[in-house]
Amino acid sequence: MSRRCEFTSKGPMSGNNVSHAKNRTRRRFLPNLNDVTLTSDTLGRSFKFRISAAALRTVDHRGGLDAFMAKAKDVELSDAALKVKKEIAKATAAA
């Protein structure tokens, strides 16, 4: 499983550990990923995602999974999230 957010595409970054003596060694900054289950009001189902804490806050701020997916860019979403977005859009259009 890759260390990449399924909603925002945030991944590991690299940088330096800097000691007091200014010695620099390479390190990785990993995203704060969480396994969450989000429920779609439109579909009446729940979905499991591995998303960053920042993405989870954005989902809550926008009012849930359906509202988040409506505004989300297709380029940033993973294949699984894109599939859910299309299901929600299809159900919304039919209703």
N, C-alpha and C. Protein backbone atom coordinates (compact mmCIF):
# COMPACT_ATOMS: atom_id res chain seq x y z
N MET A 1 0.84 -1.17 0.00
CA MET A 1 0.00 0.00 0.00
C MET A 1 0.89 1.24 0.00
N SER A 2 0.66 2.11 -0.95
CA SER A 2 1.52 3.29 -1.05
C SER A 2 1.13 4.32 0.00
N ARG A 3 2.08 5.14 0.36
CA ARG A 3 1.84 6.20 1.34
C ARG A 3 1.37 7.44 0.60
N ARG A 4 0.17 7.39 0.07
CA ARG A 4 -0.39 8.49 -0.71
C ARG A 4 -1.86 8.65 -0.35
N CYS A 5 -2.29 9.89 -0.13
CA CYS A 5 -3.67 10.18 0.18
C CYS A 5 -4.54 9.94 -1.05
N GLU A 6 -5.68 9.27 -0.86
CA GLU A 6 -6.55 8.95 -1.99
C GLU A 6 -7.36 10.14 -2.46
N PHE A 7 -7.48 11.19 -1.65
CA PHE A 7 -8.28 12.36 -2.03
C PHE A 7 -7.43 13.53 -2.51
N THR A 8 -6.26 13.73 -1.92
CA THR A 8 -5.46 14.90 -2.25
C THR A 8 -4.15 14.57 -2.95
N SER A 9 -3.81 13.30 -3.07
CA SER A 9 -2.56 12.84 -3.69
C SER A 9 -1.31 13.30 -2.94
N LYS A 10 -1.46 13.64 -1.66
CA LYS A 10 -0.28 13.99 -0.86
C LYS A 10 0.56 12.74 -0.67
N GLY A 11 1.87 12.88 -0.85
CA GLY A 11 2.77 11.76 -0.68
C GLY A 11 3.98 12.16 0.14
N PRO A 12 4.94 11.24 0.28
CA PRO A 12 6.14 11.56 1.05
C PRO A 12 6.97 12.66 0.39
N MET A 13 7.57 13.49 1.23
CA MET A 13 8.50 14.53 0.76
C MET A 13 9.85 14.23 1.39
N SER A 14 10.90 14.77 0.81
CA SER A 14 12.23 14.55 1.37
C SER A 14 12.82 15.87 1.82
N GLY A 15 13.71 15.76 2.78
CA GLY A 15 14.36 16.95 3.31
C GLY A 15 15.58 16.54 4.12
N ASN A 16 15.98 17.40 5.04
CA ASN A 16 17.17 17.16 5.84
C ASN A 16 16.85 17.18 7.32
N ASN A 17 17.52 16.28 8.07
CA ASN A 17 17.64 16.45 9.50
C ASN A 17 18.83 17.39 9.70
N VAL A 18 18.67 18.42 10.50
CA VAL A 18 19.75 19.36 10.73
C VAL A 18 20.09 19.35 12.22
N SER A 19 21.31 18.93 12.53
CA SER A 19 21.73 18.88 13.93
C SER A 19 22.15 20.27 14.40
N HIS A 20 22.45 20.35 15.69
CA HIS A 20 22.89 21.62 16.26
C HIS A 20 24.19 22.09 15.60
N ALA A 21 25.01 21.14 15.17
CA ALA A 21 26.28 21.46 14.52
C ALA A 21 26.09 21.68 13.00
N LYS A 22 24.84 21.76 12.56
CA LYS A 22 24.48 21.99 11.16
C LYS A 22 24.85 20.82 10.24
N ASN A 23 25.02 19.62 10.81
CA ASN A 23 25.22 18.44 9.97
C ASN A 23 23.88 18.08 9.34
N ARG A 24 23.88 17.78 8.06
CA ARG A 24 22.64 17.47 7.36
C ARG A 24 22.61 16.02 6.89
N THR A 25 21.56 15.32 7.24
CA THR A 25 21.34 13.96 6.75
C THR A 25 19.94 13.91 6.16
N ARG A 26 19.77 13.11 5.12
CA ARG A 26 18.49 13.06 4.41
C ARG A 26 17.43 12.35 5.26
N ARG A 27 16.20 12.79 5.12
CA ARG A 27 15.08 12.18 5.82
C ARG A 27 13.83 12.29 4.96
N ARG A 28 12.78 11.58 5.35
CA ARG A 28 11.50 11.63 4.65
C ARG A 28 10.44 12.20 5.57
N PHE A 29 9.60 13.07 5.01
CA PHE A 29 8.43 13.58 5.71
C PHE A 29 7.23 12.82 5.17
N LEU A 30 6.61 11.97 6.01
CA LEU A 30 5.49 11.15 5.57
C LEU A 30 4.17 11.86 5.86
N PRO A 31 3.18 11.72 4.99
CA PRO A 31 1.88 12.33 5.26
C PRO A 31 1.17 11.62 6.41
N ASN A 32 0.31 12.35 7.09
CA ASN A 32 -0.43 11.81 8.23
C ASN A 32 -1.67 11.08 7.69
N LEU A 33 -1.50 9.80 7.32
CA LEU A 33 -2.59 9.03 6.71
C LEU A 33 -3.38 8.26 7.76
N ASN A 34 -4.69 8.21 7.54
CA ASN A 34 -5.60 7.49 8.43
C ASN A 34 -6.53 6.62 7.60
N ASP A 35 -6.83 5.43 8.12
CA ASP A 35 -7.83 4.57 7.49
C ASP A 35 -9.19 4.99 8.04
N VAL A 36 -10.07 5.46 7.15
CA VAL A 36 -11.38 5.95 7.58
C VAL A 36 -12.47 5.29 6.76
N THR A 37 -13.66 5.22 7.33
CA THR A 37 -14.85 4.76 6.63
C THR A 37 -15.79 5.94 6.53
N LEU A 38 -16.09 6.36 5.31
CA LEU A 38 -16.97 7.50 5.07
C LEU A 38 -18.27 7.01 4.45
N THR A 39 -19.39 7.60 4.86
CA THR A 39 -20.70 7.19 4.39
C THR A 39 -21.24 8.19 3.38
N SER A 40 -21.76 7.67 2.28
CA SER A 40 -22.39 8.49 1.26
C SER A 40 -23.88 8.55 1.55
N ASP A 41 -24.42 9.77 1.68
CA ASP A 41 -25.85 9.93 1.93
C ASP A 41 -26.66 9.57 0.69
N THR A 42 -26.13 9.89 -0.47
CA THR A 42 -26.84 9.62 -1.73
C THR A 42 -26.96 8.13 -1.99
N LEU A 43 -25.86 7.40 -1.81
CA LEU A 43 -25.85 5.97 -2.12
C LEU A 43 -26.31 5.12 -0.94
N GLY A 44 -26.23 5.66 0.27
CA GLY A 44 -26.60 4.90 1.46
C GLY A 44 -25.60 3.80 1.79
N ARG A 45 -24.38 3.96 1.35
CA ARG A 45 -23.32 2.98 1.59
C ARG A 45 -22.13 3.65 2.25
N SER A 46 -21.25 2.83 2.81
CA SER A 46 -20.02 3.37 3.37
C SER A 46 -18.84 2.84 2.57
N PHE A 47 -17.78 3.64 2.52
CA PHE A 47 -16.58 3.31 1.76
C PHE A 47 -15.36 3.50 2.63
N LYS A 48 -14.37 2.62 2.45
CA LYS A 48 -13.11 2.72 3.19
C LYS A 48 -12.08 3.44 2.33
N PHE A 49 -11.40 4.40 2.92
CA PHE A 49 -10.36 5.15 2.24
C PHE A 49 -9.16 5.30 3.16
N ARG A 50 -8.00 5.56 2.58
CA ARG A 50 -6.79 5.89 3.33
C ARG A 50 -6.46 7.33 2.95
N ILE A 51 -6.82 8.27 3.81
CA ILE A 51 -6.69 9.69 3.48
C ILE A 51 -5.89 10.42 4.56
N SER A 52 -5.40 11.59 4.21
CA SER A 52 -4.63 12.40 5.15
C SER A 52 -5.59 13.08 6.13
N ALA A 53 -5.06 13.50 7.25
CA ALA A 53 -5.86 14.19 8.26
C ALA A 53 -6.41 15.50 7.69
N ALA A 54 -5.63 16.18 6.85
CA ALA A 54 -6.09 17.42 6.24
C ALA A 54 -7.27 17.16 5.31
N ALA A 55 -7.24 16.06 4.57
CA ALA A 55 -8.34 15.72 3.68
C ALA A 55 -9.60 15.38 4.48
N LEU A 56 -9.43 14.72 5.62
CA LEU A 56 -10.56 14.38 6.47
C LEU A 56 -11.22 15.65 7.01
N ARG A 57 -10.41 16.63 7.38
CA ARG A 57 -10.95 17.90 7.85
C ARG A 57 -11.71 18.61 6.73
N THR A 58 -11.20 18.51 5.50
CA THR A 58 -11.86 19.13 4.36
C THR A 58 -13.20 18.45 4.08
N VAL A 59 -13.25 17.13 4.19
CA VAL A 59 -14.51 16.41 3.99
C VAL A 59 -15.54 16.88 5.01
N ASP A 60 -15.14 17.00 6.27
CA ASP A 60 -16.05 17.48 7.32
C ASP A 60 -16.49 18.92 7.05
N HIS A 61 -15.56 19.75 6.60
CA HIS A 61 -15.86 21.16 6.36
C HIS A 61 -16.86 21.34 5.22
N ARG A 62 -16.72 20.52 4.18
CA ARG A 62 -17.61 20.65 3.02
C ARG A 62 -18.96 19.99 3.24
N GLY A 63 -19.11 19.23 4.31
CA GLY A 63 -20.42 18.67 4.62
C GLY A 63 -20.60 17.21 4.27
N GLY A 64 -19.53 16.45 4.21
CA GLY A 64 -19.64 15.02 3.98
C GLY A 64 -19.01 14.57 2.68
N LEU A 65 -19.05 13.27 2.46
CA LEU A 65 -18.40 12.67 1.30
C LEU A 65 -19.01 13.14 -0.01
N ASP A 66 -20.34 13.23 -0.09
CA ASP A 66 -20.99 13.61 -1.34
C ASP A 66 -20.61 15.03 -1.76
N ALA A 67 -20.62 15.96 -0.83
CA ALA A 67 -20.26 17.35 -1.14
C ALA A 67 -18.79 17.47 -1.50
N PHE A 68 -17.94 16.70 -0.82
CA PHE A 68 -16.52 16.74 -1.13
C PHE A 68 -16.26 16.24 -2.54
N MET A 69 -16.87 15.11 -2.89
CA MET A 69 -16.66 14.52 -4.22
C MET A 69 -17.18 15.41 -5.34
N ALA A 70 -18.23 16.18 -5.06
CA ALA A 70 -18.78 17.07 -6.08
C ALA A 70 -17.77 18.15 -6.47
N LYS A 71 -16.95 18.61 -5.51
CA LYS A 71 -15.98 19.67 -5.79
C LYS A 71 -14.57 19.16 -6.08
N ALA A 72 -14.32 17.88 -5.83
CA ALA A 72 -12.96 17.32 -5.96
C ALA A 72 -12.54 17.25 -7.43
N LYS A 73 -11.25 17.48 -7.66
CA LYS A 73 -10.69 17.38 -9.01
C LYS A 73 -10.37 15.92 -9.31
N ASP A 74 -10.70 15.49 -10.53
CA ASP A 74 -10.47 14.10 -10.92
C ASP A 74 -8.99 13.73 -10.92
N VAL A 75 -8.12 14.68 -11.19
CA VAL A 75 -6.68 14.41 -11.27
C VAL A 75 -6.12 14.00 -9.91
N GLU A 76 -6.64 14.58 -8.84
CA GLU A 76 -6.11 14.32 -7.51
C GLU A 76 -6.64 13.03 -6.89
N LEU A 77 -7.78 12.54 -7.34
CA LEU A 77 -8.40 11.37 -6.74
C LEU A 77 -7.75 10.08 -7.22
N SER A 78 -7.73 9.08 -6.33
CA SER A 78 -7.23 7.76 -6.72
C SER A 78 -8.29 7.07 -7.58
N ASP A 79 -7.95 5.91 -8.12
CA ASP A 79 -8.89 5.18 -8.97
C ASP A 79 -10.15 4.77 -8.19
N ALA A 80 -9.97 4.30 -6.96
CA ALA A 80 -11.12 3.89 -6.15
C ALA A 80 -12.01 5.09 -5.81
N ALA A 81 -11.40 6.21 -5.46
CA ALA A 81 -12.16 7.41 -5.12
C ALA A 81 -12.88 7.96 -6.35
N LEU A 82 -12.24 7.88 -7.50
CA LEU A 82 -12.85 8.35 -8.74
C LEU A 82 -14.08 7.50 -9.09
N LYS A 83 -13.99 6.21 -8.84
CA LYS A 83 -15.11 5.31 -9.09
C LYS A 83 -16.29 5.69 -8.19
N VAL A 84 -16.02 5.99 -6.92
CA VAL A 84 -17.07 6.39 -5.99
C VAL A 84 -17.67 7.72 -6.42
N LYS A 85 -16.83 8.65 -6.88
CA LYS A 85 -17.31 9.96 -7.33
C LYS A 85 -18.29 9.79 -8.49
N LYS A 86 -17.95 8.93 -9.43
CA LYS A 86 -18.83 8.71 -10.58
C LYS A 86 -20.14 8.05 -10.17
N GLU A 87 -20.10 7.13 -9.21
CA GLU A 87 -21.32 6.50 -8.70
C GLU A 87 -22.23 7.54 -8.05
N ILE A 88 -21.63 8.44 -7.26
CA ILE A 88 -22.42 9.48 -6.58
C ILE A 88 -23.02 10.43 -7.61
N ALA A 89 -22.23 10.82 -8.61
CA ALA A 89 -22.74 11.74 -9.64
C ALA A 89 -23.88 11.10 -10.43
N LYS A 90 -23.76 9.81 -10.71
CA LYS A 90 -24.80 9.09 -11.46
C LYS A 90 -26.09 9.01 -10.64
N ALA A 91 -25.95 8.70 -9.33
CA ALA A 91 -27.13 8.62 -8.46
C ALA A 91 -27.79 9.97 -8.26
N THR A 92 -26.98 11.04 -8.20
CA THR A 92 -27.51 12.37 -8.03
C THR A 92 -28.27 12.82 -9.29
N ALA A 93 -27.73 12.49 -10.45
CA ALA A 93 -28.38 12.86 -11.72
C ALA A 93 -29.69 12.10 -11.90
N ALA A 94 -29.74 10.86 -11.44
CA ALA A 94 -30.95 10.05 -11.60
C ALA A 94 -32.06 10.51 -10.65
N ALA A 95 -31.69 11.08 -9.52
CA ALA A 95 -32.68 11.50 -8.52
C ALA A 95 -33.32 12.85 -8.83
